[in-house]
Amino acid sequence: MKRITDQKIPLSISSRGELASILGIREDDLAGIITQVPNLYREIKLDKKDGSIRTINAPLDGLKRLQRKILDNYLSRIILPPC
């Protein structure tokens, strides 16, 4: 299997199958991840200096790796116009 960085990444992704191919995972696995997204985060509560609580919903490791793969190999290649 080719590494994701060896592939030409399209400017748009038109299907779940195409995204799965780009990510190097099976389409069924991607479908499973999509349906399980609400369960793939853990809630972390942190105390703020003012005494209130900050709630963070952090992705579990498997989802975090997938998100990192999307960022590193797809989103980071997009050139944004200057502000």
C-alpha atoms as a PDB file:
ATOM      1  CA  MET A   1       0.000   0.000   0.000  1.00  0.00           C
ATOM      2  CA  LYS A   2       1.253   3.475  -0.836  1.00  0.00           C
ATOM      3  CA  ARG A   3       1.856   5.869   1.989  1.00  0.00           C
ATOM      4  CA  ILE A   4      -0.578   8.766   1.981  1.00  0.00           C
ATOM      5  CA  THR A   5       2.262  11.233   1.382  1.00  0.00           C
ATOM      6  CA  ASP A   6       3.168   9.390  -1.847  1.00  0.00           C
ATOM      7  CA  GLN A   7      -0.281   9.933  -3.313  1.00  0.00           C
ATOM      8  CA  LYS A   8      -1.552  12.911  -5.238  1.00  0.00           C
ATOM      9  CA  ILE A   9      -4.220  14.404  -3.011  1.00  0.00           C
ATOM     10  CA  PRO A  10      -7.239  15.807  -4.887  1.00  0.00           C
ATOM     11  CA  LEU A  11      -8.508  19.319  -4.206  1.00  0.00           C
ATOM     12  CA  SER A  12     -11.951  17.962  -3.381  1.00  0.00           C
ATOM     13  CA  ILE A  13     -13.151  14.648  -2.030  1.00  0.00           C
ATOM     14  CA  SER A  14     -16.478  13.554  -3.469  1.00  0.00           C
ATOM     15  CA  SER A  15     -17.230  10.330  -1.611  1.00  0.00           C
ATOM     16  CA  ARG A  16     -16.622   8.397   1.576  1.00  0.00           C
ATOM     17  CA  GLY A  17     -14.788   5.762  -0.484  1.00  0.00           C
ATOM     18  CA  GLU A  18     -12.425   8.370  -1.894  1.00  0.00           C
ATOM     19  CA  LEU A  19     -11.683   9.725   1.593  1.00  0.00           C
ATOM     20  CA  ALA A  20     -11.084   6.204   2.920  1.00  0.00           C
ATOM     21  CA  SER A  21      -8.668   5.547   0.061  1.00  0.00           C
ATOM     22  CA  ILE A  22      -6.759   8.754   0.732  1.00  0.00           C
ATOM     23  CA  LEU A  23      -6.533   7.897   4.442  1.00  0.00           C
ATOM     24  CA  GLY A  24      -5.435   4.352   3.710  1.00  0.00           C
ATOM     25  CA  ILE A  25      -8.322   2.702   5.548  1.00  0.00           C
ATOM     26  CA  ARG A  26     -11.267   0.546   4.450  1.00  0.00           C
ATOM     27  CA  GLU A  27     -14.516   2.337   3.628  1.00  0.00           C
ATOM     28  CA  ASP A  28     -16.354   0.136   6.154  1.00  0.00           C
ATOM     29  CA  ASP A  29     -13.919   1.228   8.870  1.00  0.00           C
ATOM     30  CA  LEU A  30     -14.458   4.891   7.989  1.00  0.00           C
ATOM     31  CA  ALA A  31     -18.240   4.366   8.080  1.00  0.00           C
ATOM     32  CA  GLY A  32     -17.872   2.829  11.539  1.00  0.00           C
ATOM     33  CA  ILE A  33     -15.826   5.775  12.753  1.00  0.00           C
ATOM     34  CA  ILE A  34     -18.381   8.234  11.390  1.00  0.00           C
ATOM     35  CA  THR A  35     -21.269   6.533  13.192  1.00  0.00           C
ATOM     36  CA  GLN A  36     -19.274   6.344  16.440  1.00  0.00           C
ATOM     37  CA  VAL A  37     -17.994   9.944  16.511  1.00  0.00           C
ATOM     38  CA  PRO A  38     -20.014  10.983  19.606  1.00  0.00           C
ATOM     39  CA  ASN A  39     -18.398   8.093  21.520  1.00  0.00           C
ATOM     40  CA  LEU A  40     -14.858   8.857  20.346  1.00  0.00           C
ATOM     41  CA  TYR A  41     -14.323  11.860  22.630  1.00  0.00           C
ATOM     42  CA  ARG A  42     -13.640  12.050  26.341  1.00  0.00           C
ATOM     43  CA  GLU A  43     -14.719  14.991  28.437  1.00  0.00           C
ATOM     44  CA  ILE A  44     -12.022  16.724  30.472  1.00  0.00           C
ATOM     45  CA  LYS A  45     -12.879  19.385  33.028  1.00  0.00           C
ATOM     46  CA  LEU A  46     -10.197  21.913  33.946  1.00  0.00           C
ATOM     47  CA  ASP A  47     -10.305  24.601  36.610  1.00  0.00           C
ATOM     48  CA  LYS A  48      -9.846  28.132  35.289  1.00  0.00           C
ATOM     49  CA  LYS A  49      -8.088  30.899  37.204  1.00  0.00           C
ATOM     50  CA  ASP A  50     -11.394  32.659  37.814  1.00  0.00           C
ATOM     51  CA  GLY A  51     -12.805  29.550  39.533  1.00  0.00           C
ATOM     52  CA  SER A  52     -15.045  28.450  36.703  1.00  0.00           C
ATOM     53  CA  ILE A  53     -14.598  25.201  34.845  1.00  0.00           C
ATOM     54  CA  ARG A  54     -13.483  24.747  31.252  1.00  0.00           C
ATOM     55  CA  THR A  55     -14.827  21.649  29.525  1.00  0.00           C
ATOM     56  CA  ILE A  56     -12.720  20.120  26.766  1.00  0.00           C
ATOM     57  CA  ASN A  57     -13.905  17.285  24.550  1.00  0.00           C
ATOM     58  CA  ALA A  58     -10.687  15.549  23.543  1.00  0.00           C
ATOM     59  CA  PRO A  59     -10.614  12.860  20.840  1.00  0.00           C
ATOM     60  CA  LEU A  60      -9.600   9.339  21.835  1.00  0.00           C
ATOM     61  CA  ASP A  61      -6.267   8.136  20.441  1.00  0.00           C
ATOM     62  CA  GLY A  62      -7.596   6.357  17.328  1.00  0.00           C
ATOM     63  CA  LEU A  63      -9.651   9.357  16.220  1.00  0.00           C
ATOM     64  CA  LYS A  64      -6.800  11.710  17.088  1.00  0.00           C
ATOM     65  CA  ARG A  65      -4.432   9.747  14.824  1.00  0.00           C
ATOM     66  CA  LEU A  66      -6.961   9.912  11.994  1.00  0.00           C
ATOM     67  CA  GLN A  67      -7.460  13.657  12.509  1.00  0.00           C
ATOM     68  CA  ARG A  68      -3.672  14.158  12.503  1.00  0.00           C
ATOM     69  CA  LYS A  69      -3.402  12.184   9.265  1.00  0.00           C
ATOM     70  CA  ILE A  70      -6.022  14.431   7.650  1.00  0.00           C
ATOM     71  CA  LEU A  71      -4.258  17.565   8.889  1.00  0.00           C
ATOM     72  CA  ASP A  72      -0.719  16.535   7.984  1.00  0.00           C
ATOM     73  CA  ASN A  73      -1.474  14.991   4.623  1.00  0.00           C
ATOM     74  CA  TYR A  74      -4.394  16.995   3.304  1.00  0.00           C
ATOM     75  CA  LEU A  75      -5.326  20.212   5.080  1.00  0.00           C
ATOM     76  CA  SER A  76      -1.737  21.372   5.555  1.00  0.00           C
ATOM     77  CA  ARG A  77      -1.309  21.352   1.764  1.00  0.00           C
ATOM     78  CA  ILE A  78      -4.015  23.956   1.247  1.00  0.00           C
ATOM     79  CA  ILE A  79      -2.592  27.408   0.653  1.00  0.00           C
ATOM     80  CA  LEU A  80      -4.734  30.052   2.248  1.00  0.00           C
ATOM     81  CA  PRO A  81      -4.872  33.654   1.039  1.00  0.00           C
ATOM     82  CA  PRO A  82      -3.378  36.272   3.369  1.00  0.00           C
ATOM     83  CA  CYS A  83      -5.769  37.939   5.815  1.00  0.00           C
END
